[in-house]
N, C-alpha and C. Protein backbone atom coordinates (compact mmCIF):
# COMPACT_ATOMS: atom_id res chain seq x y z
N UNK A 1 59.89 -16.92 24.28
CA UNK A 1 58.61 -16.85 23.09
C UNK A 1 57.88 -15.27 22.92
N UNK A 2 58.33 -14.42 23.66
CA UNK A 2 57.51 -13.27 23.83
C UNK A 2 57.74 -12.68 22.56
N UNK A 3 56.96 -11.92 21.96
CA UNK A 3 56.64 -11.03 21.01
C UNK A 3 56.44 -10.00 20.87
N UNK A 4 57.49 -9.18 20.66
CA UNK A 4 57.40 -7.18 20.62
C UNK A 4 56.26 -7.05 20.37
N UNK A 5 55.60 -7.60 19.01
CA UNK A 5 54.23 -7.08 18.28
C UNK A 5 53.41 -6.41 19.20
N UNK A 6 53.18 -5.17 18.88
CA UNK A 6 52.20 -4.58 19.87
C UNK A 6 50.84 -5.28 19.48
N UNK A 7 50.18 -5.61 18.65
CA UNK A 7 49.27 -6.62 18.27
C UNK A 7 49.08 -7.65 19.18
N UNK A 8 50.25 -8.47 19.32
CA UNK A 8 50.41 -9.57 20.18
C UNK A 8 50.09 -9.37 21.36
N UNK A 9 50.93 -8.48 21.81
CA UNK A 9 50.67 -8.25 23.05
C UNK A 9 49.47 -8.11 23.84
N UNK A 10 48.47 -6.95 22.80
CA UNK A 10 47.37 -6.50 23.02
C UNK A 10 46.06 -7.83 22.87
N UNK A 11 46.49 -8.50 22.23
CA UNK A 11 45.34 -9.93 22.16
C UNK A 11 45.66 -10.96 22.93
N UNK A 12 46.81 -11.00 23.53
CA UNK A 12 47.33 -11.72 24.62
C UNK A 12 46.79 -11.48 25.57
N UNK A 13 47.27 -9.81 26.27
CA UNK A 13 46.76 -9.15 27.68
C UNK A 13 44.81 -9.28 27.27
N UNK A 14 43.94 -9.25 26.11
CA UNK A 14 42.56 -9.37 26.20
C UNK A 14 42.46 -10.66 26.47
N UNK A 15 42.89 -11.27 25.99
CA UNK A 15 42.92 -13.17 26.31
C UNK A 15 42.82 -13.23 27.60
N UNK A 16 43.70 -12.69 28.45
CA UNK A 16 43.71 -13.06 29.97
C UNK A 16 43.15 -12.02 30.59
N UNK A 17 42.39 -10.65 30.09
CA UNK A 17 41.74 -10.00 30.80
C UNK A 17 40.39 -10.94 31.55
N UNK A 18 39.95 -10.59 32.53
CA UNK A 18 38.97 -11.20 33.77
C UNK A 18 37.95 -9.96 33.00
N UNK A 19 36.96 -10.44 32.12
CA UNK A 19 35.53 -9.60 31.97
C UNK A 19 34.56 -10.00 32.87
N UNK A 20 33.93 -8.91 33.54
CA UNK A 20 32.86 -9.02 34.31
C UNK A 20 31.39 -9.46 33.02
N UNK A 21 30.75 -10.08 33.47
CA UNK A 21 29.45 -10.72 32.50
C UNK A 21 28.61 -9.48 32.96
N UNK A 22 27.81 -8.77 32.15
CA UNK A 22 26.91 -7.72 32.34
C UNK A 22 25.67 -8.46 32.85
N UNK A 23 24.94 -8.22 33.72
CA UNK A 23 23.50 -9.16 33.53
C UNK A 23 22.11 -7.91 33.09
N UNK A 24 21.87 -9.05 32.19
CA UNK A 24 20.83 -8.19 31.55
C UNK A 24 19.64 -8.65 32.19
N UNK A 25 18.27 -7.94 32.80
CA UNK A 25 17.37 -7.83 33.60
C UNK A 25 16.18 -8.45 32.25
N UNK A 26 15.59 -9.85 32.91
CA UNK A 26 14.32 -9.94 31.86
C UNK A 26 13.78 -9.17 31.76
N UNK A 27 13.09 -9.35 30.39
CA UNK A 27 11.50 -8.53 30.37
C UNK A 27 10.63 -8.80 30.43
N UNK A 28 9.29 -8.39 31.03
CA UNK A 28 8.25 -8.64 31.17
C UNK A 28 7.52 -9.73 30.03
N UNK A 29 6.38 -10.33 30.46
CA UNK A 29 6.12 -10.81 29.51
C UNK A 29 5.20 -10.17 28.28
N UNK A 30 4.57 -8.98 28.62
CA UNK A 30 4.22 -8.26 27.76
C UNK A 30 5.26 -7.67 26.94
N UNK A 31 6.10 -7.00 27.64
CA UNK A 31 7.05 -6.49 26.28
C UNK A 31 7.60 -7.72 25.54
N UNK A 32 7.81 -8.43 26.38
CA UNK A 32 8.52 -9.57 25.16
C UNK A 32 7.71 -9.86 24.27
N UNK A 33 6.15 -10.10 24.65
CA UNK A 33 5.30 -10.33 23.72
C UNK A 33 5.02 -9.37 22.30
N UNK A 34 5.44 -7.78 22.80
CA UNK A 34 5.51 -6.71 21.95
C UNK A 34 6.33 -6.86 20.93
N UNK A 35 7.58 -6.96 21.54
CA UNK A 35 8.93 -6.88 20.58
C UNK A 35 8.79 -8.34 19.68
N UNK A 36 8.54 -9.66 20.27
CA UNK A 36 8.57 -10.54 19.57
C UNK A 36 7.27 -10.45 18.29
N UNK A 37 6.12 -10.00 18.29
CA UNK A 37 4.75 -9.65 17.46
C UNK A 37 5.51 -8.53 16.61
N UNK A 38 6.44 -7.41 17.23
CA UNK A 38 7.27 -6.60 15.95
C UNK A 38 7.47 -7.14 15.04
N UNK A 39 8.67 -8.04 15.84
CA UNK A 39 9.42 -8.67 14.74
C UNK A 39 9.12 -9.67 14.03
N UNK A 40 8.08 -10.38 14.15
CA UNK A 40 7.70 -11.21 13.13
C UNK A 40 6.72 -10.44 12.08
N UNK A 41 5.85 -9.58 12.65
CA UNK A 41 5.43 -8.55 11.80
C UNK A 41 6.17 -7.98 10.41
N UNK A 42 7.22 -7.27 10.91
CA UNK A 42 8.70 -7.06 10.32
C UNK A 42 9.09 -7.85 9.39
N UNK A 43 8.93 -8.81 9.82
CA UNK A 43 9.73 -10.11 8.73
C UNK A 43 9.00 -10.49 7.86
N UNK A 44 7.51 -10.70 7.75
CA UNK A 44 6.77 -11.41 7.38
C UNK A 44 6.04 -9.79 6.23
N UNK A 45 6.41 -8.37 6.33
CA UNK A 45 5.79 -7.73 5.91
C UNK A 45 7.39 -7.34 4.47
N UNK A 46 6.60 -7.28 3.52
CA UNK A 46 7.75 -7.06 2.20
C UNK A 46 7.60 -5.53 2.04
N UNK A 47 8.28 -5.05 1.47
CA UNK A 47 8.93 -3.73 0.97
C UNK A 47 7.51 -3.05 0.27
N UNK A 48 6.65 -3.72 -0.54
CA UNK A 48 6.03 -3.61 -1.48
C UNK A 48 4.20 -3.14 -1.23
N UNK A 49 4.57 -3.28 0.46
CA UNK A 49 3.36 -3.27 0.93
C UNK A 49 2.49 -2.03 1.01
N UNK A 50 3.40 -1.16 1.22
CA UNK A 50 2.86 0.38 1.13
C UNK A 50 2.11 0.62 -0.48
N UNK A 51 2.95 0.26 -1.32
CA UNK A 51 2.31 0.58 -2.37
C UNK A 51 1.35 -0.12 -2.98
N UNK A 52 1.47 -1.35 -2.45
CA UNK A 52 -0.06 -2.11 -2.81
C UNK A 52 -1.26 -1.65 -2.11
N UNK A 53 -0.97 -1.29 -0.85
CA UNK A 53 -2.59 -0.21 -0.23
C UNK A 53 -2.63 0.79 -1.03
N UNK A 54 -1.76 1.32 -1.25
CA UNK A 54 -2.29 2.72 -2.25
C UNK A 54 -2.88 1.97 -3.30
N UNK A 55 -2.65 1.30 -4.21
CA UNK A 55 -3.15 0.53 -5.28
C UNK A 55 -4.61 -0.37 -4.57
N UNK A 56 -4.38 -0.27 -3.61
CA UNK A 56 -6.11 -1.06 -3.25
C UNK A 56 -6.93 0.17 -2.88
N UNK A 57 -6.55 1.00 -2.34
CA UNK A 57 -7.23 2.41 -2.13
C UNK A 57 -7.50 2.87 -3.48
N UNK A 58 -6.87 2.70 -4.48
CA UNK A 58 -7.03 3.86 -5.67
C UNK A 58 -8.17 2.90 -6.49
N UNK A 59 -8.08 1.76 -6.60
CA UNK A 59 -9.03 0.46 -7.29
C UNK A 59 -10.39 0.71 -6.61
N UNK A 60 -10.42 0.64 -5.12
CA UNK A 60 -11.72 1.45 -4.33
C UNK A 60 -12.21 2.43 -4.45
N UNK A 61 -11.71 3.12 -4.79
CA UNK A 61 -12.04 5.16 -5.06
C UNK A 61 -12.54 4.80 -6.53
N UNK A 62 -11.86 4.06 -7.26
CA UNK A 62 -12.33 4.29 -8.77
C UNK A 62 -13.65 3.17 -9.09
N UNK A 63 -13.63 2.21 -8.26
CA UNK A 63 -15.19 1.66 -8.04
C UNK A 63 -15.92 2.07 -8.00
N UNK A 64 -16.06 2.80 -6.25
CA UNK A 64 -17.01 3.70 -6.06
C UNK A 64 -17.45 4.99 -6.76
N UNK A 65 -16.87 5.28 -7.72
CA UNK A 65 -16.93 6.24 -8.68
C UNK A 65 -17.95 5.66 -9.77
N UNK A 66 -17.15 4.88 -10.17
CA UNK A 66 -17.79 4.10 -11.50
C UNK A 66 -19.50 3.64 -10.71
N UNK A 67 -19.42 3.38 -9.58
CA UNK A 67 -20.67 2.99 -9.36
C UNK A 67 -21.43 4.26 -9.15
N UNK A 68 -20.81 4.96 -8.60
CA UNK A 68 -22.08 6.47 -8.83
C UNK A 68 -22.06 7.01 -9.94
N UNK A 69 -21.37 6.95 -10.80
CA UNK A 69 -21.95 7.12 -11.94
C UNK A 69 -22.92 6.43 -12.59
N UNK A 70 -23.05 4.95 -12.81
CA UNK A 70 -24.09 4.42 -13.13
C UNK A 70 -25.22 4.32 -12.16
N UNK A 71 -25.49 4.79 -10.85
CA UNK A 71 -26.69 5.28 -10.16
C UNK A 71 -26.86 6.13 -10.65
N UNK A 72 -26.32 7.55 -10.94
CA UNK A 72 -27.02 8.85 -11.45
C UNK A 72 -27.39 8.52 -12.95
N UNK A 73 -26.66 7.65 -13.64
CA UNK A 73 -26.91 7.54 -14.92
C UNK A 73 -28.84 7.30 -14.77
N UNK A 74 -28.98 5.96 -14.17
CA UNK A 74 -30.26 5.15 -13.98
C UNK A 74 -31.26 6.16 -13.50
N UNK A 75 -30.55 6.91 -12.58
CA UNK A 75 -31.70 7.71 -11.94
C UNK A 75 -32.54 8.91 -12.77
N UNK A 76 -31.39 9.50 -13.79
CA UNK A 76 -31.62 10.17 -15.01
C UNK A 76 -32.70 9.66 -15.69
N UNK A 77 -32.14 8.64 -16.47
CA UNK A 77 -33.02 7.98 -17.23
C UNK A 77 -34.21 7.55 -16.94
N UNK A 78 -34.53 7.44 -15.38
CA UNK A 78 -35.70 6.90 -14.72
C UNK A 78 -36.85 8.72 -14.91
N UNK A 79 -36.04 9.47 -14.60
CA UNK A 79 -36.79 10.63 -14.73
C UNK A 79 -37.13 11.65 -16.11
N UNK A 80 -36.51 11.31 -17.09
CA UNK A 80 -36.68 11.95 -18.54
C UNK A 80 -37.19 10.67 -19.09
N UNK A 81 -38.11 10.43 -18.88
CA UNK A 81 -39.25 9.68 -19.78
C UNK A 81 -40.29 10.14 -20.94
N UNK A 82 -39.80 11.40 -20.85
CA UNK A 82 -40.44 11.59 -22.35
C UNK A 82 -39.71 11.85 -23.32
N UNK A 83 -40.33 12.20 -24.98
CA UNK A 83 -39.33 12.07 -25.98
C UNK A 83 -38.46 12.99 -26.12
N UNK A 84 -38.33 14.01 -25.30
CA UNK A 84 -36.99 15.07 -25.69
C UNK A 84 -36.00 14.27 -24.84
N UNK A 85 -35.80 13.19 -24.36
CA UNK A 85 -34.64 12.46 -23.74
C UNK A 85 -33.59 12.20 -24.72
N UNK A 86 -34.32 11.91 -26.37
CA UNK A 86 -33.23 11.71 -26.93
C UNK A 86 -31.85 12.71 -27.15
N UNK A 87 -32.28 14.09 -26.82
CA UNK A 87 -31.47 15.20 -27.34
C UNK A 87 -30.21 14.89 -26.22
N UNK A 88 -30.13 14.58 -25.24
CA UNK A 88 -29.27 14.08 -24.57
C UNK A 88 -28.48 12.89 -24.62
N UNK A 89 -28.93 12.42 -25.57
CA UNK A 89 -28.11 10.71 -25.88
C UNK A 89 -27.02 11.35 -26.97
N UNK A 90 -25.70 10.80 -26.64
CA UNK A 90 -24.83 10.90 -27.20
C UNK A 90 -25.15 10.29 -28.80
N UNK A 91 -25.33 9.39 -28.83
CA UNK A 91 -25.30 8.30 -29.91
C UNK A 91 -26.53 8.54 -30.62
N UNK A 92 -27.82 8.94 -29.97
CA UNK A 92 -28.94 9.44 -31.05
C UNK A 92 -28.29 10.62 -31.86
N UNK A 93 -27.76 11.29 -30.88
CA UNK A 93 -27.40 13.02 -31.45
C UNK A 93 -26.20 12.48 -32.48
N UNK A 94 -25.57 11.80 -32.17
CA UNK A 94 -24.36 11.43 -33.22
C UNK A 94 -24.85 10.89 -34.96
N UNK A 95 -26.23 9.76 -34.91
CA UNK A 95 -26.40 9.43 -35.45
C UNK A 95 -27.59 10.59 -36.20
N UNK A 96 -28.03 11.54 -35.87
CA UNK A 96 -28.75 12.21 -36.26
C UNK A 96 -27.65 13.54 -37.01
N UNK A 97 -26.71 13.85 -36.37
CA UNK A 97 -25.38 14.65 -37.17
C UNK A 97 -25.38 13.61 -38.38
N UNK A 98 -24.79 12.49 -38.08
CA UNK A 98 -24.44 11.77 -39.49
C UNK A 98 -25.12 11.49 -40.56
N UNK A 99 -26.88 11.91 -39.99
CA UNK A 99 -27.99 11.33 -41.31
C UNK A 99 -27.84 12.97 -41.86
N UNK A 100 -28.01 13.92 -41.00
CA UNK A 100 -28.03 15.43 -41.64
C UNK A 100 -26.69 15.22 -42.73
N UNK A 101 -25.34 14.95 -42.55
CA UNK A 101 -24.41 14.94 -43.22
C UNK A 101 -24.43 14.18 -44.51
N UNK A 102 -25.01 13.54 -44.56
CA UNK A 102 -25.24 12.12 -45.69
C UNK A 102 -26.65 12.73 -46.30
N UNK A 103 -27.52 13.59 -46.02
CA UNK A 103 -28.46 13.79 -46.91
C UNK A 103 -28.42 15.17 -47.47
N UNK A 104 -26.90 15.84 -47.04
CA UNK A 104 -26.81 17.51 -47.74
C UNK A 104 -26.02 16.94 -48.88
């Protein structure tokens, strides 16, 4: 019942071969903890985390810029207590220009 097929002979000789089991040294507790921690965080992290971090940073910068703008505006309103402050007011200037245009 011997087959002349080279694949059958190769598989038969591989099944009969005595292969030594390679021994692997156990990892230390710290190395095992690091590997398991890295594996768990990689499994939990999604592909969008980098974009979310970028988006959060952008929102934080925009919020800080808005807060700074409000603080500077409030500080300038406190310093300009004179009657000439309406010159720098965009709404008052627009109303004045509109009134001049309507009256002419």
